[in-house]
């Protein structure tokens, strides 16, 4: 998300609009935004491990439980038993249908 700020005020000296330059973003703000993007990318790369699934792949799945939406990792434990089998152990068994539907969708 990048917002550019342009100086829309007319030049008080009567010069042409071609001389008006856009205002550059604050360097510290740009640095913070870039670091946020890099951090998100690093977190995405942690979930990739060759051809094997990792529990981190399931953390971002939203589950509708307890009248709200929450991440899967707050409702159950994810265990990768084999590269083709994932076990989800729900902390509260009553949330199992919601977890099943969220993973299936």
Protein backbone atom coordinates (compact mmCIF):
# COMPACT_ATOMS: atom_id res chain seq x y z
CA UNK A 1 0.00 0.00 0.00
CA UNK A 2 1.72 3.14 -1.23
CA UNK A 3 0.31 6.60 -1.01
CA UNK A 4 1.85 9.42 -2.98
CA UNK A 5 1.39 13.00 -1.85
CA UNK A 6 1.44 15.68 -4.50
CA UNK A 7 1.64 19.40 -3.90
CA UNK A 8 -1.60 20.61 -5.49
CA UNK A 9 -1.18 24.25 -4.43
CA UNK A 10 -0.58 26.67 -7.25
CA UNK A 11 2.83 28.22 -7.41
CA UNK A 12 2.62 31.63 -5.79
CA UNK A 13 5.20 33.14 -8.15
CA UNK A 14 3.09 32.43 -11.21
CA UNK A 15 5.44 29.78 -12.69
CA UNK A 16 4.10 26.98 -14.85
CA UNK A 17 2.73 23.81 -13.24
CA UNK A 18 5.64 21.91 -14.80
CA UNK A 19 7.96 23.33 -12.13
CA UNK A 20 5.83 21.91 -9.27
CA UNK A 21 7.45 18.72 -7.98
CA UNK A 22 5.65 15.97 -6.07
CA UNK A 23 6.40 15.68 -2.38
CA UNK A 24 8.52 12.63 -1.64
CA UNK A 25 7.48 10.20 1.11
CA UNK A 26 9.25 10.39 4.44
CA UNK A 27 12.35 8.13 4.28
CA UNK A 28 11.67 6.66 7.73
CA UNK A 29 8.07 5.84 6.78
CA UNK A 30 9.22 4.21 3.54
CA UNK A 31 11.84 2.19 5.43
CA UNK A 32 9.24 0.97 7.96
CA UNK A 33 6.89 -0.08 5.16
CA UNK A 34 9.67 -1.93 3.34
CA UNK A 35 10.69 -3.74 6.53
CA UNK A 36 7.08 -4.79 7.06
CA UNK A 37 6.96 -6.28 3.55
CA UNK A 38 10.27 -8.11 4.05
CA UNK A 39 9.10 -9.50 7.41
CA UNK A 40 5.87 -10.77 5.85
CA UNK A 41 7.84 -12.37 3.01
CA UNK A 42 10.22 -14.08 5.46
CA UNK A 43 7.24 -15.47 7.38
CA UNK A 44 5.79 -16.81 4.13
CA UNK A 45 9.09 -18.49 3.24
CA UNK A 46 9.20 -20.24 6.63
CA UNK A 47 6.09 -22.19 5.65
CA UNK A 48 7.80 -23.65 2.58
CA UNK A 49 9.88 -26.78 3.09
CA UNK A 50 10.36 -28.54 -0.20
CA UNK A 51 7.57 -30.99 -0.86
CA UNK A 52 6.58 -31.42 2.80
CA UNK A 53 3.75 -29.49 4.43
CA UNK A 54 4.53 -27.59 7.62
CA UNK A 55 2.24 -26.60 10.50
CA UNK A 56 2.81 -22.95 9.58
CA UNK A 57 0.79 -23.51 6.39
CA UNK A 58 -2.30 -24.00 8.55
CA UNK A 59 -1.82 -21.01 10.90
CA UNK A 60 -3.48 -18.55 8.55
CA UNK A 61 -6.69 -20.54 8.02
CA UNK A 62 -9.60 -18.60 9.56
CA UNK A 63 -12.09 -20.64 11.59
CA UNK A 64 -15.55 -19.46 12.64
CA UNK A 65 -15.92 -20.58 16.25
CA UNK A 66 -17.19 -19.05 19.48
CA UNK A 67 -19.15 -16.40 17.53
CA UNK A 68 -15.97 -14.95 16.00
CA UNK A 69 -13.29 -15.72 13.46
CA UNK A 70 -9.95 -16.90 14.81
CA UNK A 71 -6.81 -18.53 13.44
CA UNK A 72 -6.68 -22.31 13.30
CA UNK A 73 -3.61 -22.41 15.55
CA UNK A 74 -5.62 -20.97 18.46
CA UNK A 75 -8.16 -23.80 18.27
CA UNK A 76 -6.07 -26.88 17.63
CA UNK A 77 -2.64 -28.41 17.39
CA UNK A 78 -1.35 -29.21 13.90
CA UNK A 79 0.79 -32.35 13.57
CA UNK A 80 2.33 -33.44 10.28
CA UNK A 81 2.53 -37.22 10.56
CA UNK A 82 3.55 -37.96 6.96
CA UNK A 83 3.94 -35.75 3.89
CA UNK A 84 0.39 -36.67 2.89
CA UNK A 85 -1.29 -36.79 6.32
CA UNK A 86 -2.03 -33.97 8.75
CA UNK A 87 -3.54 -34.49 12.21
CA UNK A 88 -5.51 -31.68 13.83
CA UNK A 89 -6.04 -32.11 17.58
CA UNK A 90 -8.71 -29.66 18.73
CA UNK A 91 -8.32 -28.24 22.23
CA UNK A 92 -12.12 -28.13 22.54
CA UNK A 93 -13.85 -31.06 20.79
CA UNK A 94 -16.96 -28.93 20.14
CA UNK A 95 -14.94 -26.86 17.63
CA UNK A 96 -14.01 -29.91 15.51
CA UNK A 97 -16.80 -29.43 12.93
CA UNK A 98 -15.87 -25.75 12.43
CA UNK A 99 -12.18 -26.67 12.07
CA UNK A 100 -13.02 -29.43 9.60
CA UNK A 101 -15.13 -27.05 7.50
CA UNK A 102 -12.45 -24.34 7.53
CA UNK A 103 -9.71 -26.73 6.41
CA UNK A 104 -11.91 -28.31 3.77
CA UNK A 105 -12.91 -24.91 2.34
